[in-house]
């Protein structure tokens, strides 16, 4: 019986010692990296157009959800975005989180899209965005879902 108790104690201690501790400083640093990337993405979309921004910040296996349609992969997104030269899209994250391993994160917030309709009238659309970010082998963040 003592042997069984000893084995159980060792098992329990081993389980607790394997628990991964979260380094809050690393988590905050990764959140800041994602926030900086998100703001660079939005800034580029405003200054250089949606096409250039989306192609710069998408991962090779990234996916766009547009009008109930999934556009899968960088090449398909490039084709889909080829005429999206508008500079009227802007956004800012309201929330950012990242995995404890620092390889996946996500953001959400509000966006504003200003554009001209077919008659040349100024229009504006507001909405909510959600982006999933993945750390790339070179350490940069690229979106895999938008």
C-alpha atoms as a PDB file:
ATOM      1  CA  UNK A   1       0.000   0.000   0.000  1.00  0.00           C
ATOM      2  CA  UNK A   2       2.849   2.402   0.830  1.00  0.00           C
ATOM      3  CA  UNK A   3       4.355   1.708  -2.559  1.00  0.00           C
ATOM      4  CA  UNK A   4       1.028   2.616  -4.250  1.00  0.00           C
ATOM      5  CA  UNK A   5       0.759   5.849  -2.245  1.00  0.00           C
ATOM      6  CA  UNK A   6       4.345   6.765  -3.156  1.00  0.00           C
ATOM      7  CA  UNK A   7       3.662   6.133  -6.840  1.00  0.00           C
ATOM      8  CA  UNK A   8       0.491   8.254  -6.729  1.00  0.00           C
ATOM      9  CA  UNK A   9       2.335  11.114  -5.006  1.00  0.00           C
ATOM     10  CA  UNK A  10       5.102  10.995  -7.608  1.00  0.00           C
ATOM     11  CA  UNK A  11       2.501  10.940 -10.389  1.00  0.00           C
ATOM     12  CA  UNK A  12       0.642  13.960  -8.966  1.00  0.00           C
ATOM     13  CA  UNK A  13       3.857  15.928  -8.429  1.00  0.00           C
ATOM     14  CA  UNK A  14       4.977  15.121 -11.967  1.00  0.00           C
ATOM     15  CA  UNK A  15       1.664  16.347 -13.381  1.00  0.00           C
ATOM     16  CA  UNK A  16       1.868  19.633 -11.489  1.00  0.00           C
ATOM     17  CA  UNK A  17       5.507  20.189 -12.353  1.00  0.00           C
ATOM     18  CA  UNK A  18       4.701  19.769 -16.069  1.00  0.00           C
ATOM     19  CA  UNK A  19       2.175  22.574 -15.962  1.00  0.00           C
ATOM     20  CA  UNK A  20       3.361  25.301 -18.295  1.00  0.00           C
ATOM     21  CA  UNK A  21       3.745  28.697 -16.684  1.00  0.00           C
ATOM     22  CA  UNK A  22       2.643  31.671 -18.714  1.00  0.00           C
ATOM     23  CA  UNK A  23       5.187  34.462 -19.049  1.00  0.00           C
ATOM     24  CA  UNK A  24       2.969  37.546 -18.942  1.00  0.00           C
ATOM     25  CA  UNK A  25       5.769  39.784 -20.283  1.00  0.00           C
ATOM     26  CA  UNK A  26       6.070  37.602 -23.384  1.00  0.00           C
ATOM     27  CA  UNK A  27       2.289  37.588 -23.852  1.00  0.00           C
ATOM     28  CA  UNK A  28       2.171  41.399 -23.658  1.00  0.00           C
ATOM     29  CA  UNK A  29       5.122  41.714 -26.046  1.00  0.00           C
ATOM     30  CA  UNK A  30       3.402  39.435 -28.581  1.00  0.00           C
ATOM     31  CA  UNK A  31       0.136  41.379 -28.232  1.00  0.00           C
ATOM     32  CA  UNK A  32       2.079  44.578 -28.895  1.00  0.00           C
ATOM     33  CA  UNK A  33       3.656  43.007 -31.999  1.00  0.00           C
ATOM     34  CA  UNK A  34       0.225  42.028 -33.302  1.00  0.00           C
ATOM     35  CA  UNK A  35      -1.195  45.480 -32.529  1.00  0.00           C
ATOM     36  CA  UNK A  36       1.707  47.160 -34.348  1.00  0.00           C
ATOM     37  CA  UNK A  37       1.214  44.845 -37.348  1.00  0.00           C
ATOM     38  CA  UNK A  38      -2.558  45.481 -37.398  1.00  0.00           C
ATOM     39  CA  UNK A  39      -2.002  49.256 -37.352  1.00  0.00           C
ATOM     40  CA  UNK A  40       0.644  49.028 -40.115  1.00  0.00           C
ATOM     41  CA  UNK A  41      -1.831  46.961 -42.151  1.00  0.00           C
ATOM     42  CA  UNK A  42      -4.588  49.580 -41.718  1.00  0.00           C
ATOM     43  CA  UNK A  43      -2.195  52.462 -42.412  1.00  0.00           C
ATOM     44  CA  UNK A  44      -0.968  50.831 -45.623  1.00  0.00           C
ATOM     45  CA  UNK A  45      -4.553  50.181 -46.761  1.00  0.00           C
ATOM     46  CA  UNK A  46      -5.325  53.903 -46.315  1.00  0.00           C
ATOM     47  CA  UNK A  47      -2.143  55.190 -47.972  1.00  0.00           C
ATOM     48  CA  UNK A  48      -1.432  52.635 -50.703  1.00  0.00           C
ATOM     49  CA  UNK A  49      -4.744  50.890 -51.225  1.00  0.00           C
ATOM     50  CA  UNK A  50      -6.405  47.697 -50.086  1.00  0.00           C
ATOM     51  CA  UNK A  51      -4.797  45.536 -52.763  1.00  0.00           C
ATOM     52  CA  UNK A  52      -1.209  46.239 -51.704  1.00  0.00           C
ATOM     53  CA  UNK A  53      -1.984  46.043 -47.990  1.00  0.00           C
ATOM     54  CA  UNK A  54      -3.866  42.762 -48.105  1.00  0.00           C
ATOM     55  CA  UNK A  55      -1.190  41.131 -50.253  1.00  0.00           C
ATOM     56  CA  UNK A  56       1.610  42.307 -47.970  1.00  0.00           C
ATOM     57  CA  UNK A  57      -0.009  41.082 -44.754  1.00  0.00           C
ATOM     58  CA  UNK A  58      -1.612  37.799 -45.872  1.00  0.00           C
ATOM     59  CA  UNK A  59       0.078  34.462 -45.178  1.00  0.00           C
ATOM     60  CA  UNK A  60       0.526  32.120 -48.139  1.00  0.00           C
ATOM     61  CA  UNK A  61      -2.360  29.992 -46.829  1.00  0.00           C
ATOM     62  CA  UNK A  62      -4.481  32.949 -45.716  1.00  0.00           C
ATOM     63  CA  UNK A  63      -8.245  33.090 -46.207  1.00  0.00           C
ATOM     64  CA  UNK A  64     -10.579  36.016 -46.812  1.00  0.00           C
ATOM     65  CA  UNK A  65     -14.274  35.804 -46.061  1.00  0.00           C
ATOM     66  CA  UNK A  66     -16.118  38.117 -48.430  1.00  0.00           C
ATOM     67  CA  UNK A  67     -19.848  38.097 -49.152  1.00  0.00           C
ATOM     68  CA  UNK A  68     -20.328  34.543 -47.849  1.00  0.00           C
ATOM     69  CA  UNK A  69     -17.446  33.343 -50.020  1.00  0.00           C
ATOM     70  CA  UNK A  70     -14.067  32.009 -48.902  1.00  0.00           C
ATOM     71  CA  UNK A  71     -11.079  33.145 -50.944  1.00  0.00           C
ATOM     72  CA  UNK A  72      -8.319  30.672 -50.085  1.00  0.00           C
ATOM     73  CA  UNK A  73      -4.588  31.221 -50.547  1.00  0.00           C
ATOM     74  CA  UNK A  74      -2.457  34.199 -51.448  1.00  0.00           C
ATOM     75  CA  UNK A  75      -2.759  33.666 -55.210  1.00  0.00           C
ATOM     76  CA  UNK A  76      -6.571  33.559 -55.065  1.00  0.00           C
ATOM     77  CA  UNK A  77      -6.611  36.623 -52.822  1.00  0.00           C
ATOM     78  CA  UNK A  78      -4.302  38.433 -55.265  1.00  0.00           C
ATOM     79  CA  UNK A  79      -6.709  37.676 -58.092  1.00  0.00           C
ATOM     80  CA  UNK A  80      -9.725  38.713 -56.014  1.00  0.00           C
ATOM     81  CA  UNK A  81      -8.105  41.958 -54.835  1.00  0.00           C
ATOM     82  CA  UNK A  82      -6.576  43.017 -58.187  1.00  0.00           C
ATOM     83  CA  UNK A  83      -9.079  45.857 -58.669  1.00  0.00           C
ATOM     84  CA  UNK A  84      -9.337  46.859 -55.012  1.00  0.00           C
ATOM     85  CA  UNK A  85      -7.303  50.034 -55.141  1.00  0.00           C
ATOM     86  CA  UNK A  86      -9.550  51.952 -52.737  1.00  0.00           C
ATOM     87  CA  UNK A  87      -7.807  53.851 -49.977  1.00  0.00           C
ATOM     88  CA  UNK A  88     -10.964  54.340 -47.935  1.00  0.00           C
ATOM     89  CA  UNK A  89     -10.687  51.391 -45.539  1.00  0.00           C
ATOM     90  CA  UNK A  90      -9.507  52.000 -41.978  1.00  0.00           C
ATOM     91  CA  UNK A  91      -9.739  50.039 -38.749  1.00  0.00           C
ATOM     92  CA  UNK A  92      -8.282  49.686 -35.290  1.00  0.00           C
ATOM     93  CA  UNK A  93      -8.391  46.670 -32.982  1.00  0.00           C
ATOM     94  CA  UNK A  94     -10.502  46.905 -29.836  1.00  0.00           C
ATOM     95  CA  UNK A  95      -9.195  43.579 -28.531  1.00  0.00           C
ATOM     96  CA  UNK A  96      -6.054  41.514 -29.037  1.00  0.00           C
ATOM     97  CA  UNK A  97      -5.150  38.119 -27.654  1.00  0.00           C
ATOM     98  CA  UNK A  98      -2.377  35.631 -28.349  1.00  0.00           C
ATOM     99  CA  UNK A  99      -1.731  31.978 -27.569  1.00  0.00           C
ATOM    100  CA  UNK A 100       0.615  31.126 -24.721  1.00  0.00           C
ATOM    101  CA  UNK A 101       2.988  29.642 -27.311  1.00  0.00           C
ATOM    102  CA  UNK A 102       3.101  32.950 -29.189  1.00  0.00           C
ATOM    103  CA  UNK A 103       2.363  31.484 -32.606  1.00  0.00           C
ATOM    104  CA  UNK A 104      -1.314  32.442 -33.076  1.00  0.00           C
ATOM    105  CA  UNK A 105      -3.234  35.559 -32.158  1.00  0.00           C
ATOM    106  CA  UNK A 106      -6.438  37.318 -33.030  1.00  0.00           C
ATOM    107  CA  UNK A 107      -7.901  40.786 -33.108  1.00  0.00           C
ATOM    108  CA  UNK A 108     -11.311  42.314 -33.526  1.00  0.00           C
ATOM    109  CA  UNK A 109     -12.664  45.804 -33.690  1.00  0.00           C
ATOM    110  CA  UNK A 110     -14.491  48.313 -35.853  1.00  0.00           C
ATOM    111  CA  UNK A 111     -13.789  49.345 -39.412  1.00  0.00           C
ATOM    112  CA  UNK A 112     -14.918  52.227 -41.583  1.00  0.00           C
ATOM    113  CA  UNK A 113     -15.002  52.070 -45.362  1.00  0.00           C
ATOM    114  CA  UNK A 114     -15.389  55.335 -47.284  1.00  0.00           C
ATOM    115  CA  UNK A 115     -16.030  55.156 -51.006  1.00  0.00           C
ATOM    116  CA  UNK A 116     -17.827  56.770 -53.934  1.00  0.00           C
ATOM    117  CA  UNK A 117     -20.889  55.119 -55.391  1.00  0.00           C
ATOM    118  CA  UNK A 118     -21.523  54.752 -59.136  1.00  0.00           C
ATOM    119  CA  UNK A 119     -22.862  58.330 -59.257  1.00  0.00           C
ATOM    120  CA  UNK A 120     -19.791  59.759 -57.527  1.00  0.00           C
ATOM    121  CA  UNK A 121     -21.522  60.350 -54.194  1.00  0.00           C
ATOM    122  CA  UNK A 122     -19.542  59.862 -50.999  1.00  0.00           C
ATOM    123  CA  UNK A 123     -20.664  56.805 -49.051  1.00  0.00           C
ATOM    124  CA  UNK A 124     -19.560  55.226 -45.802  1.00  0.00           C
ATOM    125  CA  UNK A 125     -19.964  51.759 -44.374  1.00  0.00           C
ATOM    126  CA  UNK A 126     -19.115  50.668 -40.840  1.00  0.00           C
ATOM    127  CA  UNK A 127     -18.716  47.184 -39.460  1.00  0.00           C
ATOM    128  CA  UNK A 128     -16.823  44.743 -37.311  1.00  0.00           C
ATOM    129  CA  UNK A 129     -13.665  42.912 -38.338  1.00  0.00           C
ATOM    130  CA  UNK A 130     -12.026  39.791 -36.955  1.00  0.00           C
ATOM    131  CA  UNK A 131      -8.517  38.760 -37.950  1.00  0.00           C
ATOM    132  CA  UNK A 132      -6.502  35.680 -37.019  1.00  0.00           C
ATOM    133  CA  UNK A 133      -2.735  36.179 -37.075  1.00  0.00           C
ATOM    134  CA  UNK A 134      -0.015  33.532 -37.365  1.00  0.00           C
ATOM    135  CA  UNK A 135       3.655  34.068 -36.587  1.00  0.00           C
ATOM    136  CA  UNK A 136       5.746  33.271 -39.650  1.00  0.00           C
ATOM    137  CA  UNK A 137       9.110  31.458 -39.604  1.00  0.00           C
ATOM    138  CA  UNK A 138      10.878  34.837 -39.973  1.00  0.00           C
ATOM    139  CA  UNK A 139       9.095  36.149 -36.839  1.00  0.00           C
ATOM    140  CA  UNK A 140       6.649  38.437 -38.640  1.00  0.00           C
ATOM    141  CA  UNK A 141       2.863  38.201 -38.239  1.00  0.00           C
ATOM    142  CA  UNK A 142       0.650  37.484 -41.251  1.00  0.00           C
ATOM    143  CA  UNK A 143      -3.092  37.004 -41.251  1.00  0.00           C
ATOM    144  CA  UNK A 144      -4.548  33.570 -41.952  1.00  0.00           C
ATOM    145  CA  UNK A 145      -8.185  34.659 -41.605  1.00  0.00           C
ATOM    146  CA  UNK A 146      -9.862  37.983 -42.333  1.00  0.00           C
END
